[in-house]
């Protein structure tokens, strides 16, 4: 692969955005004309969405309804921020064309789809980056730093409860509710948390079992959907549609679970659990990590009151933890400031290569765990094994997407 130009005297890094829906604003963090990078092209199958691109990136942005018109001669990298079921084919096409890719999570909606993407990136040598922004969230980085410095000893268990308080609006009024487009919400929504669980534990899932169901939204009668061309902020109203059974405008197809629970055995003997509910009144994530010398737990996951508490002495119930670490205040940008950090890491990776805090293999492992759990859930909780990535592919990504000969050249 020919490296993108990095000399700002010859112009900005030229970027394209494919998909102008809910998550597309993440690419706005990359648009800095005259300061190193600029979005010069935008793609959406719905021409009505093109007005967003002009508003965000200026009247000179080139607009397309298909990605095949993009070439490596015209752009240096692309953001793929489209519905989940389109990721696999879009990313493979771009990688084959030699265009470095940022793809929003999940990497794909099947394990086989993820493996096809990884194989293409490995075979072509084109750089691949997956938008797991939670690895840049202050609460996650605070927990990981506490673990890495040995505050709770060796990690043995990770528990995560995800209270998806706005789940009805976010995931049951559009394509997210259709399992043909997502596989299920244990994958689509859970991919973030499964990746964090793996990152905190330092290992990937080997076996899973899961239970759950469509326990509330499946019985709601209004399946009128949303106006054509609308994206989620257009219909989201946190002051209405409560309690959950009052929801209207659900997607015509609703066949994903709104309540899910999975148990995981990870490599190295770590055990984990993940619970997800889409009709709680509150919206936040709670992690508990238990080690051989203590445990930690987050209270709040962003905002100026979030903190991580660590207990290290034996006792009964007590709220006064042995160590309380405030989570750094969120910076400007989405998801507690993690979105601009994510984009900055991607742009650095496009220019320089090397390792990143996000990982395509880890992104695949999160999808694989979510797929296996969904299979288990829909088959009465049957235990399901999670297949591994081929070792040579895993090593390639661990080395920062360099073959051994490339590593030797880079060291000289």
Protein backbone atom coordinates (compact mmCIF):
# COMPACT_ATOMS: atom_id res chain seq x y z
CA UNK A 1 0.00 0.00 0.00
CA UNK A 2 1.25 3.47 -0.80
CA UNK A 3 1.16 5.62 2.32
CA UNK A 4 -1.15 8.66 2.17
CA UNK A 5 0.61 11.95 1.80
CA UNK A 6 1.51 13.57 5.09
CA UNK A 7 3.22 16.75 3.90
CA UNK A 8 0.78 19.54 4.65
CA UNK A 9 2.55 21.77 2.14
CA UNK A 10 1.02 19.63 -0.62
CA UNK A 11 -2.47 19.77 0.83
CA UNK A 12 -4.67 18.26 3.52
CA UNK A 13 -5.24 14.57 4.04
CA UNK A 14 -8.27 14.00 1.81
CA UNK A 15 -11.13 12.19 3.55
CA UNK A 16 -14.47 10.74 2.49
CA UNK A 17 -17.51 10.02 4.65
CA UNK A 18 -19.78 7.16 3.63
CA UNK A 19 -23.13 7.40 5.43
CA UNK A 20 -24.65 10.65 6.69
CA UNK A 21 -26.90 9.33 9.45
CA UNK A 22 -26.84 9.36 13.24
CA UNK A 23 -23.12 8.69 13.82
CA UNK A 24 -21.84 10.66 10.82
CA UNK A 25 -21.05 13.76 12.93
CA UNK A 26 -18.04 11.86 14.29
CA UNK A 27 -16.32 12.68 11.00
CA UNK A 28 -16.79 16.38 11.65
CA UNK A 29 -13.93 16.11 14.14
CA UNK A 30 -11.69 15.27 11.17
CA UNK A 31 -12.65 18.27 9.05
CA UNK A 32 -9.90 20.86 9.57
CA UNK A 33 -9.25 22.42 6.16
CA UNK A 34 -5.81 23.91 5.94
CA UNK A 35 -4.80 22.29 9.23
CA UNK A 36 -3.91 18.80 8.07
CA UNK A 37 -7.10 17.10 6.93
CA UNK A 38 -10.40 17.85 5.25
CA UNK A 39 -13.52 15.95 4.24
CA UNK A 40 -13.67 16.35 0.48
CA UNK A 41 -16.30 13.74 -0.44
CA UNK A 42 -19.50 12.36 1.07
CA UNK A 43 -21.64 9.37 0.09
CA UNK A 44 -25.21 8.51 0.98
CA UNK A 45 -27.74 6.47 -0.96
CA UNK A 46 -30.41 9.02 -0.04
CA UNK A 47 -29.74 12.31 -1.88
CA UNK A 48 -31.81 14.14 0.75
CA UNK A 49 -29.02 13.48 3.23
CA UNK A 50 -26.53 15.39 1.09
CA UNK A 51 -27.63 18.69 2.56
CA UNK A 52 -26.06 17.60 5.86
CA UNK A 53 -22.72 17.14 4.12
CA UNK A 54 -22.87 20.64 2.66
CA UNK A 55 -23.79 22.08 6.06
CA UNK A 56 -20.93 20.24 7.76
CA UNK A 57 -18.16 20.28 5.14
CA UNK A 58 -18.97 23.20 2.83
CA UNK A 59 -20.42 23.61 -0.62
CA UNK A 60 -17.30 22.26 -2.32
CA UNK A 61 -17.65 18.73 -0.87
CA UNK A 62 -18.19 16.20 -3.64
CA UNK A 63 -21.45 14.25 -3.25
CA UNK A 64 -22.18 10.71 -4.40
CA UNK A 65 -24.91 8.10 -3.99
CA UNK A 66 -22.49 5.17 -4.23
CA UNK A 67 -19.02 4.40 -2.91
CA UNK A 68 -17.64 2.91 -6.13
CA UNK A 69 -16.96 6.41 -7.40
CA UNK A 70 -14.31 6.88 -4.71
CA UNK A 71 -10.75 5.97 -5.65
CA UNK A 72 -7.37 6.11 -3.93
CA UNK A 73 -6.35 8.75 -6.46
CA UNK A 74 -9.03 11.09 -5.12
CA UNK A 75 -9.03 10.36 -1.36
CA UNK A 76 -6.54 9.21 1.24
CA UNK A 77 -8.94 7.54 3.72
CA UNK A 78 -12.64 6.93 4.31
CA UNK A 79 -15.07 6.84 7.23
CA UNK A 80 -17.72 4.10 6.91
CA UNK A 81 -20.64 5.14 9.12
CA UNK A 82 -23.52 3.21 7.57
CA UNK A 83 -26.06 0.64 8.87
CA UNK A 84 -24.37 -2.41 10.35
CA UNK A 85 -25.31 -4.90 7.64
CA UNK A 86 -23.50 -2.81 5.01
CA UNK A 87 -20.13 -2.62 6.77
CA UNK A 88 -18.64 -5.86 5.49
CA UNK A 89 -19.02 -5.29 1.75
CA UNK A 90 -18.25 -1.57 1.89
CA UNK A 91 -15.06 -2.06 3.89
CA UNK A 92 -13.87 -4.95 1.71
CA UNK A 93 -14.38 -2.84 -1.45
CA UNK A 94 -12.44 0.09 0.02
CA UNK A 95 -9.59 -2.07 1.31
CA UNK A 96 -9.30 -3.76 -2.09
CA UNK A 97 -9.05 -0.28 -3.62
CA UNK A 98 -6.17 0.59 -1.28
CA UNK A 99 -8.17 3.13 0.75
CA UNK A 100 -7.53 3.11 4.53
CA UNK A 101 -10.80 2.71 6.43
CA UNK A 102 -12.38 3.87 9.68
CA UNK A 103 -15.45 1.66 10.17
CA UNK A 104 -17.96 2.34 12.90
CA UNK A 105 -18.56 -0.59 15.24
CA UNK A 106 -19.58 -3.34 14.88
CA UNK A 107 -17.03 -4.47 12.32
CA UNK A 108 -19.71 -6.70 10.72
CA UNK A 109 -22.85 -8.54 11.85
CA UNK A 110 -21.41 -12.06 11.60
CA UNK A 111 -18.16 -13.64 12.72
CA UNK A 112 -17.54 -14.84 9.16
CA UNK A 113 -18.07 -11.30 7.90
CA UNK A 114 -15.50 -9.95 10.35
CA UNK A 115 -13.01 -12.63 9.31
CA UNK A 116 -13.50 -11.69 5.65
CA UNK A 117 -12.70 -8.06 6.46
CA UNK A 118 -9.62 -8.96 8.51
CA UNK A 119 -8.38 -11.30 5.79
CA UNK A 120 -8.80 -8.57 3.16
CA UNK A 121 -6.90 -6.03 5.25
CA UNK A 122 -4.13 -8.59 5.89
CA UNK A 123 -3.89 -9.64 2.25
CA UNK A 124 -3.94 -6.12 0.77
CA UNK A 125 -1.93 -4.37 3.48
CA UNK A 126 -4.49 -1.55 3.55
CA UNK A 127 -4.95 0.03 6.97
CA UNK A 128 -8.10 -0.85 8.91
CA UNK A 129 -9.39 0.95 12.01
CA UNK A 130 -12.58 0.17 13.97
CA UNK A 131 -14.46 2.91 15.85
CA UNK A 132 -14.63 1.42 19.34
CA UNK A 133 -14.75 4.81 21.03
CA UNK A 134 -15.29 3.39 24.53
CA UNK A 135 -11.57 2.57 24.68
CA UNK A 136 -11.07 6.34 24.82
CA UNK A 137 -13.83 7.03 27.37
CA UNK A 138 -12.42 8.41 30.64
CA UNK A 139 -14.32 5.93 32.83
CA UNK A 140 -12.96 2.93 30.93
CA UNK A 141 -9.42 4.26 30.89
CA UNK A 142 -9.60 5.01 34.62
CA UNK A 143 -10.68 1.43 35.39
CA UNK A 144 -8.01 -0.02 33.12
CA UNK A 145 -5.26 2.07 34.67
CA UNK A 146 -6.27 0.94 38.17
CA UNK A 147 -6.15 -2.67 37.01
CA UNK A 148 -2.80 -2.26 35.24
CA UNK A 149 -1.14 -0.77 38.30
CA UNK A 150 -2.27 -3.75 40.40
CA UNK A 151 -4.87 -2.15 42.67
CA UNK A 152 -7.09 -5.27 42.67
CA UNK A 153 -4.51 -7.94 41.86
CA UNK A 154 -5.10 -10.43 39.06
CA UNK A 155 -8.47 -10.03 37.34
CA UNK A 156 -10.74 -13.04 37.78
CA UNK A 157 -14.24 -11.72 36.99
CA UNK A 158 -15.86 -8.83 35.11
CA UNK A 159 -19.57 -8.03 35.44
CA UNK A 160 -21.37 -5.42 33.37
CA UNK A 161 -24.96 -4.19 33.69
CA UNK A 162 -26.13 -1.94 30.87
CA UNK A 163 -29.25 0.06 31.60
CA UNK A 164 -30.28 1.25 28.11
CA UNK A 165 -32.89 3.75 29.27
CA UNK A 166 -33.52 5.25 25.82
CA UNK A 167 -33.42 1.87 24.08
CA UNK A 168 -36.99 2.05 22.80
CA UNK A 169 -36.30 5.27 20.91
CA UNK A 170 -32.75 4.41 19.91
CA UNK A 171 -33.12 0.81 18.76
CA UNK A 172 -36.76 -0.12 18.14
CA UNK A 173 -37.93 2.61 15.76
CA UNK A 174 -35.64 1.93 12.81
CA UNK A 175 -33.50 -0.78 11.21
CA UNK A 176 -31.85 -1.71 14.51
CA UNK A 177 -35.01 -3.64 15.47
CA UNK A 178 -34.65 -6.02 12.50
CA UNK A 179 -32.33 -8.95 13.17
CA UNK A 180 -31.56 -9.21 9.45
CA UNK A 181 -29.79 -5.83 9.79
CA UNK A 182 -28.03 -6.38 13.13
CA UNK A 183 -28.12 -10.08 14.14
CA UNK A 184 -29.31 -8.79 17.54
CA UNK A 185 -28.65 -6.15 20.17
CA UNK A 186 -26.26 -8.38 22.11
CA UNK A 187 -24.05 -7.78 19.09
CA UNK A 188 -25.11 -4.31 17.91
CA UNK A 189 -25.29 -2.58 21.28
CA UNK A 190 -23.28 -5.10 23.26
CA UNK A 191 -20.20 -4.93 21.01
CA UNK A 192 -19.01 -1.87 22.94
CA UNK A 193 -19.28 -3.52 26.35
CA UNK A 194 -17.97 -6.90 25.22
CA UNK A 195 -14.90 -5.14 23.86
CA UNK A 196 -14.43 -3.31 27.15
CA UNK A 197 -14.84 -6.53 29.13
CA UNK A 198 -12.15 -8.16 27.00
CA UNK A 199 -9.87 -5.11 27.37
CA UNK A 200 -10.21 -4.97 31.15
CA UNK A 201 -9.74 -8.73 31.49
CA UNK A 202 -6.87 -8.93 29.03
CA UNK A 203 -8.38 -11.93 27.25
CA UNK A 204 -11.11 -12.97 24.81
CA UNK A 205 -14.25 -15.06 25.24
CA UNK A 206 -14.02 -18.84 24.65
CA UNK A 207 -17.52 -20.06 25.58
CA UNK A 208 -20.87 -18.35 26.18
CA UNK A 209 -24.39 -19.12 27.24
CA UNK A 210 -27.24 -16.63 27.18
CA UNK A 211 -30.95 -16.10 27.87
CA UNK A 212 -33.33 -13.27 27.06
CA UNK A 213 -36.31 -12.27 25.01
CA UNK A 214 -38.51 -9.59 23.45
CA UNK A 215 -40.34 -8.91 26.69
CA UNK A 216 -41.92 -5.44 26.30
CA UNK A 217 -41.66 -3.92 22.83
CA UNK A 218 -42.82 -7.03 21.02
CA UNK A 219 -46.38 -6.47 22.20
CA UNK A 220 -46.73 -2.81 21.17
CA UNK A 221 -49.18 -2.32 18.29
CA UNK A 222 -47.92 0.85 16.57
CA UNK A 223 -45.46 -0.33 13.89
CA UNK A 224 -45.82 2.73 11.67
CA UNK A 225 -42.09 3.45 11.69
CA UNK A 226 -40.58 6.86 11.01
CA UNK A 227 -40.73 9.22 8.01
CA UNK A 228 -38.52 8.25 5.10
CA UNK A 229 -35.13 9.92 5.35
CA UNK A 230 -35.44 10.61 9.10
CA UNK A 231 -32.58 9.80 11.48
CA UNK A 232 -32.86 9.13 15.18
CA UNK A 233 -32.57 12.69 16.55
CA UNK A 234 -35.58 13.60 14.41
CA UNK A 235 -37.91 11.44 16.51
CA UNK A 236 -36.16 11.24 19.88
CA UNK A 237 -38.13 12.96 22.64
CA UNK A 238 -36.95 12.10 26.18
CA UNK A 239 -39.92 13.88 27.76
CA UNK A 240 -42.52 11.63 26.13
CA UNK A 241 -42.94 7.95 25.25
CA UNK A 242 -42.83 6.91 28.90
CA UNK A 243 -43.50 4.42 30.38
CA UNK A 244 -42.10 2.03 27.76
CA UNK A 245 -45.44 0.52 26.79
CA UNK A 246 -46.60 3.94 25.56
CA UNK A 247 -44.01 3.92 22.75
CA UNK A 248 -45.34 4.60 19.24
CA UNK A 249 -43.82 4.57 15.78
CA UNK A 250 -41.91 1.30 16.16
CA UNK A 251 -40.19 -0.22 13.17
CA UNK A 252 -42.47 -2.47 11.07
CA UNK A 253 -40.17 -5.39 11.93
CA UNK A 254 -39.32 -5.84 15.61
CA UNK A 255 -37.65 -9.19 16.25
CA UNK A 256 -34.57 -8.43 18.38
CA UNK A 257 -34.49 -8.97 22.13
CA UNK A 258 -35.05 -6.07 24.53
CA UNK A 259 -33.71 -8.01 27.55
CA UNK A 260 -30.56 -10.15 27.34
CA UNK A 261 -28.16 -11.81 29.76
CA UNK A 262 -24.97 -13.67 28.87
CA UNK A 263 -22.31 -15.56 30.80
CA UNK A 264 -18.79 -15.88 29.39
CA UNK A 265 -15.70 -17.92 30.08
CA UNK A 266 -12.64 -16.11 28.82
CA UNK A 267 -9.17 -17.38 28.04
CA UNK A 268 -6.99 -17.81 31.11
CA UNK A 269 -9.87 -18.70 33.42
CA UNK A 270 -11.49 -15.26 33.68
CA UNK A 271 -15.30 -15.31 33.93
CA UNK A 272 -17.64 -12.50 32.91
CA UNK A 273 -21.28 -11.57 32.60
CA UNK A 274 -23.18 -8.97 30.61
CA UNK A 275 -26.80 -7.87 31.10
CA UNK A 276 -28.66 -5.47 28.81
CA UNK A 277 -32.14 -3.99 29.26
CA UNK A 278 -33.76 -1.51 26.86
CA UNK A 279 -36.58 -0.17 29.04
CA UNK A 280 -34.98 1.01 32.27
CA UNK A 281 -35.73 4.57 33.44
CA UNK A 282 -32.00 5.34 33.74
CA UNK A 283 -29.32 5.10 31.04
CA UNK A 284 -25.78 4.16 32.08
CA UNK A 285 -23.28 1.32 32.38
CA UNK A 286 -22.07 -0.26 35.60
CA UNK A 287 -18.90 -2.38 35.62
CA UNK A 288 -17.59 -4.46 38.50
CA UNK A 289 -14.12 -6.00 38.18
CA UNK A 290 -13.02 -8.53 40.81
CA UNK A 291 -9.41 -9.50 41.32
CA UNK A 292 -7.36 -11.57 43.70
CA UNK A 293 -6.73 -8.55 45.98
CA UNK A 294 -9.87 -6.43 45.69
CA UNK A 295 -12.62 -5.19 43.43
CA UNK A 296 -13.52 -1.97 41.66
CA UNK A 297 -16.80 -0.54 40.45
CA UNK A 298 -17.80 2.60 38.55
CA UNK A 299 -20.60 4.85 39.80
CA UNK A 300 -21.73 6.86 36.81
CA UNK A 301 -20.04 6.51 33.45
CA UNK A 302 -19.55 10.16 32.48
CA UNK A 303 -20.17 13.63 33.83
CA UNK A 304 -18.60 15.53 36.68
CA UNK A 305 -19.87 13.17 39.41
CA UNK A 306 -18.66 9.84 37.97
CA UNK A 307 -16.07 7.95 39.99
CA UNK A 308 -14.45 4.55 40.34
CA UNK A 309 -14.37 3.01 43.82
CA UNK A 310 -11.94 0.31 44.94
CA UNK A 311 -12.43 -1.98 47.95
CA UNK A 312 -9.34 -3.79 49.29
CA UNK A 313 -10.12 -4.54 52.98
CA UNK A 314 -12.49 -7.19 54.34
CA UNK A 315 -15.72 -5.81 55.78
CA UNK A 316 -19.46 -5.91 55.64
CA UNK A 317 -21.42 -3.50 53.48
CA UNK A 318 -19.85 -0.06 53.33
CA UNK A 319 -19.97 2.80 50.90
CA UNK A 320 -16.61 4.25 51.99
CA UNK A 321 -14.29 2.54 49.53
CA UNK A 322 -10.56 2.26 50.24
CA UNK A 323 -9.76 4.24 47.12
CA UNK A 324 -12.02 6.65 45.23
CA UNK A 325 -10.84 7.93 41.87
CA UNK A 326 -12.87 10.68 40.19
CA UNK A 327 -13.38 10.08 36.49
CA UNK A 328 -11.81 13.00 34.57
CA UNK A 329 -14.39 15.55 33.49
CA UNK A 330 -15.61 14.97 29.95
CA UNK A 331 -14.00 17.00 27.23
CA UNK A 332 -15.77 18.57 24.28
CA UNK A 333 -17.09 16.11 21.73
CA UNK A 334 -19.37 13.09 21.83
CA UNK A 335 -19.24 10.26 24.37
CA UNK A 336 -17.37 12.16 27.06
CA UNK A 337 -14.80 13.49 24.64
CA UNK A 338 -13.91 10.06 23.29
CA UNK A 339 -15.07 10.73 19.73
CA UNK A 340 -12.45 13.40 18.90
CA UNK A 341 -9.76 11.24 20.52
CA UNK A 342 -10.89 8.29 18.41
CA UNK A 343 -10.72 10.34 15.21
CA UNK A 344 -7.32 11.76 16.13
CA UNK A 345 -5.96 8.25 16.66
CA UNK A 346 -7.34 7.13 13.29
CA UNK A 347 -5.78 10.08 11.45
CA UNK A 348 -2.43 9.46 13.14
CA UNK A 349 -2.71 5.80 12.13
CA UNK A 350 -3.46 6.71 8.50
CA UNK A 351 -0.39 8.93 8.37
CA UNK A 352 2.08 6.90 10.42
CA UNK A 353 0.76 3.39 10.95
CA UNK A 354 1.74 1.56 14.12
CA UNK A 355 -0.31 0.23 17.01
CA UNK A 356 -3.52 1.83 18.29
CA UNK A 357 -5.61 1.50 21.44
CA UNK A 358 -8.45 0.14 19.33
CA UNK A 359 -7.93 -3.23 17.65
CA UNK A 360 -9.52 -4.84 14.59
CA UNK A 361 -8.98 -8.28 16.14
CA UNK A 362 -10.61 -7.16 19.39
CA UNK A 363 -13.49 -5.71 17.37
CA UNK A 364 -13.92 -9.09 15.69
CA UNK A 365 -13.79 -10.88 19.05
CA UNK A 366 -16.56 -8.66 20.43
CA UNK A 367 -18.75 -9.52 17.43
CA UNK A 368 -17.88 -13.21 17.73
CA UNK A 369 -18.89 -13.25 21.40
CA UNK A 370 -22.12 -11.38 20.60
CA UNK A 371 -22.97 -13.74 17.74
CA UNK A 372 -22.31 -16.81 19.88
CA UNK A 373 -24.42 -15.40 22.71
CA UNK A 374 -27.29 -14.61 20.34
CA UNK A 375 -27.13 -18.16 18.98
CA UNK A 376 -27.24 -19.50 22.54
CA UNK A 377 -30.10 -17.22 23.58
CA UNK A 378 -32.23 -18.31 20.62
CA UNK A 379 -31.55 -21.97 21.34
CA UNK A 380 -32.57 -22.16 25.00
CA UNK A 381 -29.23 -21.17 26.49
CA UNK A 382 -27.15 -23.87 24.80
CA UNK A 383 -23.41 -23.32 25.42
CA UNK A 384 -21.63 -22.08 22.28
CA UNK A 385 -17.89 -21.98 21.59
CA UNK A 386 -16.36 -18.85 20.08
CA UNK A 387 -13.99 -19.53 17.14
CA UNK A 388 -10.55 -17.93 17.16
CA UNK A 389 -8.88 -15.70 14.61
CA UNK A 390 -6.14 -17.48 12.62
CA UNK A 391 -2.85 -16.92 14.44
CA UNK A 392 -1.03 -15.35 11.48
CA UNK A 393 -3.83 -12.80 11.05
CA UNK A 394 -3.86 -11.98 14.76
CA UNK A 395 -0.09 -11.47 14.75
CA UNK A 396 -0.33 -9.10 11.78
CA UNK A 397 -2.74 -6.81 13.61
CA UNK A 398 -0.86 -7.09 16.91
CA UNK A 399 2.21 -5.75 15.10
CA UNK A 400 0.30 -2.66 14.00
CA UNK A 401 -0.70 -4.12 10.61
CA UNK A 402 2.88 -4.76 9.57
CA UNK A 403 4.44 -7.95 8.30
CA UNK A 404 7.75 -8.95 9.91
CA UNK A 405 9.73 -7.55 6.98
CA UNK A 406 7.91 -4.24 7.35
CA UNK A 407 8.76 -4.15 11.05
CA UNK A 408 12.44 -4.68 10.27
CA UNK A 409 12.38 -1.90 7.68
CA UNK A 410 10.63 0.46 10.11
CA UNK A 411 13.32 -0.16 12.77
CA UNK A 412 16.19 0.74 10.41
